[in-house]
C-alpha atoms as a PDB file:
ATOM      1  CA  MET A   1    -120.676 182.615-180.284  1.00  0.00           C
ATOM      2  CA  THR A   2    -119.799 183.204-176.651  1.00  0.00           C
ATOM      3  CA  ARG A   3    -117.434 180.674-175.113  1.00  0.00           C
ATOM      4  CA  THR A   4    -117.070 179.996-171.400  1.00  0.00           C
ATOM      5  CA  LEU A   5    -114.120 178.932-169.288  1.00  0.00           C
ATOM      6  CA  THR A   6    -114.788 177.626-165.771  1.00  0.00           C
ATOM      7  CA  SER A   7    -111.776 177.359-163.485  1.00  0.00           C
ATOM      8  CA  THR A   8    -110.663 177.928-159.919  1.00  0.00           C
ATOM      9  CA  TYR A   9    -109.780 181.540-159.116  1.00  0.00           C
ATOM     10  CA  HIS A  10    -106.074 181.885-158.386  1.00  0.00           C
ATOM     11  CA  GLN A  11    -104.540 184.381-155.992  1.00  0.00           C
ATOM     12  CA  GLN A  12    -103.707 187.642-157.786  1.00  0.00           C
ATOM     13  CA  ARG A  13    -100.075 188.751-157.775  1.00  0.00           C
ATOM     14  CA  VAL A  14     -98.665 192.088-158.891  1.00  0.00           C
ATOM     15  CA  SER A  15     -95.244 193.705-159.118  1.00  0.00           C
ATOM     16  CA  SER A  16     -93.087 195.252-156.428  1.00  0.00           C
ATOM     17  CA  THR A  17     -94.655 198.649-157.193  1.00  0.00           C
ATOM     18  CA  GLU A  18     -98.027 197.384-155.964  1.00  0.00           C
ATOM     19  CA  ILE A  19    -100.283 199.887-154.256  1.00  0.00           C
ATOM     20  CA  LYS A  20    -101.100 198.353-150.850  1.00  0.00           C
ATOM     21  CA  LEU A  21    -104.771 197.633-150.258  1.00  0.00           C
ATOM     22  CA  THR A  22    -104.770 197.061-146.492  1.00  0.00           C
ATOM     23  CA  ASN A  23    -107.268 199.372-144.758  1.00  0.00           C
ATOM     24  CA  SER A  24    -107.490 201.560-147.887  1.00  0.00           C
ATOM     25  CA  LYS A  25    -110.460 202.435-150.039  1.00  0.00           C
ATOM     26  CA  THR A  26    -110.409 201.502-153.710  1.00  0.00           C
ATOM     27  CA  ALA A  27    -110.833 205.093-154.875  1.00  0.00           C
ATOM     28  CA  SER A  28    -107.869 206.259-152.804  1.00  0.00           C
ATOM     29  CA  CYS A  29    -105.689 203.426-154.085  1.00  0.00           C
ATOM     30  CA  LEU A  30    -106.646 204.140-157.681  1.00  0.00           C
ATOM     31  CA  THR A  31    -105.798 207.804-157.199  1.00  0.00           C
ATOM     32  CA  LYS A  32    -102.376 206.910-155.806  1.00  0.00           C
ATOM     33  CA  LEU A  33    -101.779 204.503-158.668  1.00  0.00           C
ATOM     34  CA  GLN A  34    -102.576 207.200-161.241  1.00  0.00           C
ATOM     35  CA  GLU A  35    -100.060 209.484-159.540  1.00  0.00           C
ATOM     36  CA  VAL A  36     -97.437 206.768-159.986  1.00  0.00           C
ATOM     37  CA  ILE A  37     -98.418 206.311-163.641  1.00  0.00           C
ATOM     38  CA  THR A  38     -98.239 209.999-164.551  1.00  0.00           C
ATOM     39  CA  SER A  39     -94.728 210.292-163.138  1.00  0.00           C
ATOM     40  CA  CYS A  40     -93.410 207.173-164.927  1.00  0.00           C
ATOM     41  CA  THR A  41     -90.202 207.503-166.974  1.00  0.00           C
ATOM     42  CA  SER A  42     -89.465 203.793-167.485  1.00  0.00           C
ATOM     43  CA  CYS A  43     -89.374 203.881-171.313  1.00  0.00           C
ATOM     44  CA  PRO A  44     -86.815 206.376-172.707  1.00  0.00           C
ATOM     45  CA  ARG A  45     -88.131 206.157-176.289  1.00  0.00           C
ATOM     46  CA  LEU A  46     -91.665 207.001-175.198  1.00  0.00           C
ATOM     47  CA  VAL A  47     -90.503 209.797-172.903  1.00  0.00           C
ATOM     48  CA  LYS A  48     -88.596 211.368-175.786  1.00  0.00           C
ATOM     49  CA  HIS A  49     -91.495 211.002-178.206  1.00  0.00           C
ATOM     50  CA  ARG A  50     -94.234 212.338-175.950  1.00  0.00           C
ATOM     51  CA  THR A  51     -92.039 215.285-174.935  1.00  0.00           C
ATOM     52  CA  GLN A  52     -91.146 216.120-178.533  1.00  0.00           C
ATOM     53  CA  ILE A  53     -94.819 216.122-179.525  1.00  0.00           C
ATOM     54  CA  SER A  54     -95.718 218.438-176.641  1.00  0.00           C
ATOM     55  CA  ILE A  55     -93.054 220.901-177.768  1.00  0.00           C
ATOM     56  CA  GLU A  56     -93.609 220.796-181.538  1.00  0.00           C
ATOM     57  CA  LYS A  57     -97.419 220.526-181.300  1.00  0.00           C
ATOM     58  CA  ARG A  58     -99.884 220.447-184.168  1.00  0.00           C
ATOM     59  CA  ARG A  59    -100.649 223.801-185.778  1.00  0.00           C
ATOM     60  CA  ALA A  60    -104.327 223.597-184.818  1.00  0.00           C
ATOM     61  CA  TYR A  61    -103.309 223.272-181.154  1.00  0.00           C
ATOM     62  CA  ARG A  62    -100.370 225.646-180.995  1.00  0.00           C
ATOM     63  CA  ASP A  63    -102.028 227.580-178.144  1.00  0.00           C
ATOM     64  CA  TRP A  64    -102.463 224.433-176.039  1.00  0.00           C
ATOM     65  CA  ASP A  65    -100.229 223.515-173.156  1.00  0.00           C
ATOM     66  CA  TYR A  66     -99.829 219.823-173.994  1.00  0.00           C
ATOM     67  CA  TRP A  67    -100.079 217.253-171.200  1.00  0.00           C
ATOM     68  CA  GLY A  68     -97.038 215.407-172.576  1.00  0.00           C
ATOM     69  CA  ARG A  69     -96.890 212.743-169.834  1.00  0.00           C
ATOM     70  CA  PRO A  70     -98.289 209.254-169.255  1.00  0.00           C
ATOM     71  CA  VAL A  71    -102.074 209.502-169.390  1.00  0.00           C
ATOM     72  CA  PRO A  72    -103.943 208.276-166.295  1.00  0.00           C
ATOM     73  CA  SER A  73    -106.993 206.060-166.341  1.00  0.00           C
ATOM     74  CA  PHE A  74    -110.308 207.470-165.163  1.00  0.00           C
ATOM     75  CA  GLY A  75    -113.772 206.406-164.120  1.00  0.00           C
ATOM     76  CA  ASN A  76    -115.626 204.863-161.208  1.00  0.00           C
ATOM     77  CA  GLY A  77    -113.706 202.511-158.951  1.00  0.00           C
ATOM     78  CA  LYS A  78    -116.899 200.482-158.483  1.00  0.00           C
ATOM     79  CA  ALA A  79    -117.487 200.194-162.234  1.00  0.00           C
ATOM     80  CA  ARG A  80    -118.630 196.946-163.802  1.00  0.00           C
ATOM     81  CA  LEU A  81    -117.377 197.827-167.312  1.00  0.00           C
ATOM     82  CA  LEU A  82    -113.678 198.182-168.091  1.00  0.00           C
ATOM     83  CA  ILE A  83    -112.807 199.738-171.462  1.00  0.00           C
ATOM     84  CA  LEU A  84    -109.279 198.940-172.579  1.00  0.00           C
ATOM     85  CA  GLY A  85    -107.615 200.855-175.405  1.00  0.00           C
ATOM     86  CA  LEU A  86    -104.182 200.754-177.023  1.00  0.00           C
ATOM     87  CA  ALA A  87    -102.383 203.997-176.093  1.00  0.00           C
ATOM     88  CA  PRO A  88    -102.955 207.775-175.976  1.00  0.00           C
ATOM     89  CA  GLY A  89    -103.288 209.622-179.261  1.00  0.00           C
ATOM     90  CA  ALA A  90    -100.377 211.941-179.981  1.00  0.00           C
ATOM     91  CA  HIS A  91    -102.552 215.050-180.301  1.00  0.00           C
ATOM     92  CA  GLY A  92    -105.560 213.688-178.415  1.00  0.00           C
ATOM     93  CA  ALA A  93    -104.987 212.293-174.933  1.00  0.00           C
ATOM     94  CA  ASN A  94    -101.289 213.237-175.020  1.00  0.00           C
ATOM     95  CA  ARG A  95    -102.516 216.820-175.437  1.00  0.00           C
ATOM     96  CA  THR A  96    -105.522 216.850-173.111  1.00  0.00           C
ATOM     97  CA  GLY A  97    -104.389 214.417-170.412  1.00  0.00           C
ATOM     98  CA  ARG A  98    -107.520 212.242-170.522  1.00  0.00           C
ATOM     99  CA  MET A  99    -108.136 208.962-172.332  1.00  0.00           C
ATOM    100  CA  PHE A 100    -109.878 209.254-175.724  1.00  0.00           C
ATOM    101  CA  THR A 101    -110.270 213.000-175.329  1.00  0.00           C
ATOM    102  CA  GLY A 102    -109.580 215.629-177.960  1.00  0.00           C
ATOM    103  CA  ASP A 103    -109.499 213.571-181.165  1.00  0.00           C
ATOM    104  CA  ARG A 104    -111.896 211.923-183.622  1.00  0.00           C
ATOM    105  CA  SER A 105    -111.455 208.483-182.097  1.00  0.00           C
ATOM    106  CA  GLY A 106    -112.765 209.802-178.817  1.00  0.00           C
ATOM    107  CA  ASP A 107    -115.578 211.704-180.532  1.00  0.00           C
ATOM    108  CA  PHE A 108    -116.737 208.473-182.157  1.00  0.00           C
ATOM    109  CA  LEU A 109    -116.407 206.396-178.994  1.00  0.00           C
ATOM    110  CA  TYR A 110    -118.145 208.788-176.595  1.00  0.00           C
ATOM    111  CA  ARG A 111    -121.099 209.292-178.935  1.00  0.00           C
ATOM    112  CA  ALA A 112    -121.686 205.550-178.801  1.00  0.00           C
ATOM    113  CA  LEU A 113    -121.119 205.292-175.042  1.00  0.00           C
ATOM    114  CA  PHE A 114    -123.565 208.140-174.438  1.00  0.00           C
ATOM    115  CA  LYS A 115    -126.291 206.439-176.472  1.00  0.00           C
ATOM    116  CA  LEU A 116    -126.025 203.319-174.295  1.00  0.00           C
ATOM    117  CA  GLY A 117    -125.844 205.249-171.016  1.00  0.00           C
ATOM    118  CA  PHE A 118    -122.160 204.682-170.215  1.00  0.00           C
ATOM    119  CA  CYS A 119    -121.221 208.381-170.031  1.00  0.00           C
ATOM    120  CA  SER A 120    -122.913 211.686-169.255  1.00  0.00           C
ATOM    121  CA  GLN A 121    -122.388 213.480-172.571  1.00  0.00           C
ATOM    122  CA  PRO A 122    -121.566 212.624-176.199  1.00  0.00           C
ATOM    123  CA  THR A 123    -118.450 214.778-176.513  1.00  0.00           C
ATOM    124  CA  SER A 124    -115.078 214.908-174.801  1.00  0.00           C
ATOM    125  CA  ARG A 125    -112.942 217.960-175.491  1.00  0.00           C
ATOM    126  CA  HIS A 126    -110.837 218.591-172.365  1.00  0.00           C
ATOM    127  CA  VAL A 127    -110.529 217.402-168.762  1.00  0.00           C
ATOM    128  CA  SER A 128    -112.821 220.145-167.426  1.00  0.00           C
ATOM    129  CA  ASP A 129    -115.685 219.649-169.890  1.00  0.00           C
ATOM    130  CA  GLY A 130    -117.907 217.866-167.352  1.00  0.00           C
ATOM    131  CA  LEU A 131    -117.767 214.378-168.867  1.00  0.00           C
ATOM    132  CA  GLN A 132    -118.456 211.595-166.369  1.00  0.00           C
ATOM    133  CA  LEU A 133    -118.254 207.872-167.036  1.00  0.00           C
ATOM    134  CA  ILE A 134    -121.190 205.823-165.733  1.00  0.00           C
ATOM    135  CA  ASP A 135    -120.494 202.347-164.312  1.00  0.00           C
ATOM    136  CA  THR A 136    -117.363 202.450-166.473  1.00  0.00           C
ATOM    137  CA  TYR A 137    -113.607 202.644-166.017  1.00  0.00           C
ATOM    138  CA  MET A 138    -111.362 203.551-168.952  1.00  0.00           C
ATOM    139  CA  THR A 139    -107.725 202.573-169.277  1.00  0.00           C
ATOM    140  CA  ALA A 140    -105.098 201.614-171.855  1.00  0.00           C
ATOM    141  CA  ALA A 141    -102.466 198.939-172.333  1.00  0.00           C
ATOM    142  CA  VAL A 142     -99.768 201.600-172.847  1.00  0.00           C
ATOM    143  CA  ARG A 143     -99.970 204.991-171.116  1.00  0.00           C
ATOM    144  CA  CYS A 144     -97.673 207.093-173.349  1.00  0.00           C
ATOM    145  CA  ALA A 145     -98.203 208.031-176.984  1.00  0.00           C
ATOM    146  CA  PRO A 146     -95.891 205.696-178.959  1.00  0.00           C
ATOM    147  CA  PRO A 147     -94.283 206.534-182.331  1.00  0.00           C
ATOM    148  CA  GLY A 148     -96.563 205.311-185.094  1.00  0.00           C
ATOM    149  CA  ASN A 149     -98.971 203.942-182.459  1.00  0.00           C
ATOM    150  CA  LYS A 150     -96.630 200.963-182.146  1.00  0.00           C
ATOM    151  CA  PRO A 151     -95.111 200.352-178.698  1.00  0.00           C
ATOM    152  CA  THR A 152     -92.326 197.800-178.499  1.00  0.00           C
ATOM    153  CA  PRO A 153     -92.875 194.479-176.686  1.00  0.00           C
ATOM    154  CA  LEU A 154     -90.706 195.703-173.794  1.00  0.00           C
ATOM    155  CA  GLU A 155     -92.657 198.965-173.499  1.00  0.00           C
ATOM    156  CA  LYS A 156     -95.902 197.003-173.456  1.00  0.00           C
ATOM    157  CA  LYS A 157     -94.571 194.634-170.792  1.00  0.00           C
ATOM    158  CA  ARG A 158     -93.466 197.482-168.541  1.00  0.00           C
ATOM    159  CA  CYS A 159     -96.785 199.276-168.800  1.00  0.00           C
ATOM    160  CA  LEU A 160     -98.918 196.201-168.177  1.00  0.00           C
ATOM    161  CA  THR A 161     -97.662 196.326-164.593  1.00  0.00           C
ATOM    162  CA  TYR A 162    -100.161 199.149-164.093  1.00  0.00           C
ATOM    163  CA  LEU A 163    -102.997 197.190-165.661  1.00  0.00           C
ATOM    164  CA  GLN A 164    -102.208 194.333-163.286  1.00  0.00           C
ATOM    165  CA  GLN A 165    -102.727 196.643-160.336  1.00  0.00           C
ATOM    166  CA  GLU A 166    -105.937 198.096-161.741  1.00  0.00           C
ATOM    167  CA  LEU A 167    -107.402 194.639-162.209  1.00  0.00           C
ATOM    168  CA  ALA A 168    -106.558 193.886-158.576  1.00  0.00           C
ATOM    169  CA  LEU A 169    -108.273 197.079-157.416  1.00  0.00           C
ATOM    170  CA  LEU A 170    -111.362 197.001-159.624  1.00  0.00           C
ATOM    171  CA  LYS A 171    -113.291 194.294-157.812  1.00  0.00           C
ATOM    172  CA  ASN A 172    -116.656 194.777-159.546  1.00  0.00           C
ATOM    173  CA  ILE A 173    -115.636 194.416-163.198  1.00  0.00           C
ATOM    174  CA  LYS A 174    -117.962 192.086-165.101  1.00  0.00           C
ATOM    175  CA  VAL A 175    -117.200 193.047-168.709  1.00  0.00           C
ATOM    176  CA  ILE A 176    -113.944 194.039-170.394  1.00  0.00           C
ATOM    177  CA  LEU A 177    -114.378 195.810-173.721  1.00  0.00           C
ATOM    178  CA  ALA A 178    -111.128 195.505-175.683  1.00  0.00           C
ATOM    179  CA  LEU A 179    -110.791 198.121-178.414  1.00  0.00           C
ATOM    180  CA  GLY A 180    -108.641 196.351-180.982  1.00  0.00           C
ATOM    181  CA  ALA A 181    -106.494 193.220-181.072  1.00  0.00           C
ATOM    182  CA  PHE A 182    -103.649 194.893-179.153  1.00  0.00           C
ATOM    183  CA  ALA A 183    -105.944 195.602-176.202  1.00  0.00           C
ATOM    184  CA  TRP A 184    -107.507 192.118-176.418  1.00  0.00           C
ATOM    185  CA  ASN A 185    -104.130 190.385-176.282  1.00  0.00           C
ATOM    186  CA  SER A 186    -102.897 192.747-173.566  1.00  0.00           C
ATOM    187  CA  TYR A 187    -105.785 191.776-171.335  1.00  0.00           C
ATOM    188  CA  LEU A 188    -105.110 188.066-171.852  1.00  0.00           C
ATOM    189  CA  MET A 189    -101.393 188.583-171.176  1.00  0.00           C
ATOM    190  CA  THR A 190    -102.223 190.437-167.967  1.00  0.00           C
ATOM    191  CA  ARG A 191    -104.566 187.669-166.816  1.00  0.00           C
ATOM    192  CA  LYS A 192    -101.760 185.164-167.249  1.00  0.00           C
ATOM    193  CA  SER A 193     -99.305 187.360-165.352  1.00  0.00           C
ATOM    194  CA  ILE A 194    -101.552 187.502-162.283  1.00  0.00           C
ATOM    195  CA  GLN A 195    -102.265 183.780-162.315  1.00  0.00           C
ATOM    196  CA  LEU A 196    -105.796 183.969-163.706  1.00  0.00           C
ATOM    197  CA  PRO A 197    -106.769 181.158-166.097  1.00  0.00           C
ATOM    198  CA  VAL A 198    -106.568 181.625-169.851  1.00  0.00           C
ATOM    199  CA  PRO A 199    -107.475 178.702-172.129  1.00  0.00           C
ATOM    200  CA  ARG A 200    -105.254 177.168-174.786  1.00  0.00           C
ATOM    201  CA  PRO A 201    -105.560 178.062-177.565  1.00  0.00           C
ATOM    202  CA  GLN A 202    -106.408 181.465-176.217  1.00  0.00           C
ATOM    203  CA  PRO A 203    -109.531 183.305-177.434  1.00  0.00           C
ATOM    204  CA  ARG A 204    -109.009 185.060-180.768  1.00  0.00           C
ATOM    205  CA  PHE A 205    -109.869 188.702-181.312  1.00  0.00           C
ATOM    206  CA  GLY A 206    -112.620 189.714-183.662  1.00  0.00           C
ATOM    207  CA  HIS A 207    -115.228 192.435-183.789  1.00  0.00           C
ATOM    208  CA  GLY A 208    -118.006 191.206-181.531  1.00  0.00           C
ATOM    209  CA  ALA A 209    -115.970 188.210-180.315  1.00  0.00           C
ATOM    210  CA  GLN A 210    -116.918 187.169-176.781  1.00  0.00           C
ATOM    211  CA  PHE A 211    -115.420 184.915-174.160  1.00  0.00           C
ATOM    212  CA  ILE A 212    -116.647 184.303-170.612  1.00  0.00           C
ATOM    213  CA  PHE A 213    -114.166 183.471-167.847  1.00  0.00           C
ATOM    214  CA  GLU A 214    -115.290 181.594-164.721  1.00  0.00           C
ATOM    215  CA  GLU A 215    -118.922 182.289-165.620  1.00  0.00           C
ATOM    216  CA  THR A 216    -118.572 185.814-164.231  1.00  0.00           C
ATOM    217  CA  THR A 217    -116.308 187.950-166.441  1.00  0.00           C
ATOM    218  CA  MET A 218    -116.879 188.555-170.143  1.00  0.00           C
ATOM    219  CA  LEU A 219    -114.226 189.765-172.585  1.00  0.00           C
ATOM    220  CA  ILE A 220    -115.703 191.322-175.716  1.00  0.00           C
ATOM    221  CA  GLY A 221    -113.862 192.779-178.681  1.00  0.00           C
ATOM    222  CA  SER A 222    -114.496 195.725-180.962  1.00  0.00           C
ATOM    223  CA  TYR A 223    -112.470 197.211-183.751  1.00  0.00           C
ATOM    224  CA  HIS A 224    -110.630 200.261-182.453  1.00  0.00           C
ATOM    225  CA  PRO A 225    -112.433 203.567-183.189  1.00  0.00           C
ATOM    226  CA  SER A 226    -109.400 204.961-184.996  1.00  0.00           C
ATOM    227  CA  GLN A 227    -109.884 207.175-188.043  1.00  0.00           C
ATOM    228  CA  GLN A 228    -108.305 204.431-190.118  1.00  0.00           C
ATOM    229  CA  ASN A 229    -111.236 202.201-189.166  1.00  0.00           C
ATOM    230  CA  THR A 230    -114.104 204.681-188.952  1.00  0.00           C
ATOM    231  CA  LEU A 231    -113.368 206.658-192.121  1.00  0.00           C
ATOM    232  CA  THR A 232    -112.985 203.512-194.203  1.00  0.00           C
ATOM    233  CA  GLY A 233    -116.163 201.926-192.858  1.00  0.00           C
ATOM    234  CA  ARG A 234    -114.389 199.030-191.221  1.00  0.00           C
ATOM    235  CA  LEU A 235    -116.035 200.204-187.996  1.00  0.00           C
ATOM    236  CA  THR A 236    -119.404 201.917-188.299  1.00  0.00           C
ATOM    237  CA  MET A 237    -121.435 203.485-185.537  1.00  0.00           C
ATOM    238  CA  GLU A 238    -123.978 200.688-185.912  1.00  0.00           C
ATOM    239  CA  MET A 239    -121.243 198.087-185.404  1.00  0.00           C
ATOM    240  CA  LEU A 240    -119.948 199.745-182.245  1.00  0.00           C
ATOM    241  CA  LEU A 241    -123.457 200.228-180.875  1.00  0.00           C
ATOM    242  CA  GLY A 242    -124.120 196.536-181.504  1.00  0.00           C
ATOM    243  CA  VAL A 243    -121.166 195.583-179.320  1.00  0.00           C
ATOM    244  CA  LEU A 244    -122.213 198.015-176.609  1.00  0.00           C
ATOM    245  CA  LYS A 245    -125.737 196.584-176.644  1.00  0.00           C
ATOM    246  CA  ASP A 246    -124.197 193.162-175.960  1.00  0.00           C
ATOM    247  CA  VAL A 247    -122.228 194.736-173.094  1.00  0.00           C
ATOM    248  CA  ARG A 248    -125.395 196.282-171.675  1.00  0.00           C
ATOM    249  CA  LYS A 249    -127.276 192.990-172.005  1.00  0.00           C
ATOM    250  CA  ARG A 250    -124.511 191.175-170.120  1.00  0.00           C
ATOM    251  CA  LEU A 251    -124.447 193.758-167.322  1.00  0.00           C
ATOM    252  CA  ASP A 252    -128.221 193.605-166.993  1.00  0.00           C
ATOM    253  CA  GLN A 253    -127.860 189.911-166.127  1.00  0.00           C
ATOM    254  CA  PHE A 254    -126.143 190.799-162.834  1.00  0.00           C
END
């Protein structure tokens, strides 16, 4: 069941690294922000890990020149749908340089997004493959591939600074699709940090869980399309398509 929270909108606040918005277009500001993200070296453990992976590589990708840096977000700055993931895959986005690109998680996700009209093609292999997101912006709570897919609380806190700024820039977002509990909780934490209301107790993650803030913004959860979930049947294509149909229905209301 969808729950709704109605509250006064509070002034958004971001960190000292904020990209200034005065007399600037959203697209330009987002581009500048991604340049800041891709040059970030704030977390020594993640820098070491991502660099080591890009040097050692996986045998199947030994001829690839790995990206090996923080992975930027991508999509339309006027998008109404924000897709929030956990972090880049070690041999997926950390290799290709684009979110959910080059691994089975991305294959699964983009097939579903294509069926509901949120992207231009059902596959995502590399940054020059022609894929375009439609009315969608894709980002992650953590921008570097973490060991064991488990960033530390401090690493998460540092990286959420960038999500704060994206939320400030993306003025048209109506639906946030959180892929997994980590992404769900990261979004709620970011709302709190920029003085946006979050109820107590806060909404709990679940596949298909929905919560509406201020009658305008819906948070909806889905199990993450990781191989651990898709190969075991915890997340099926039908389940993910069901969530995306709810997203489409919500967007069609605006």
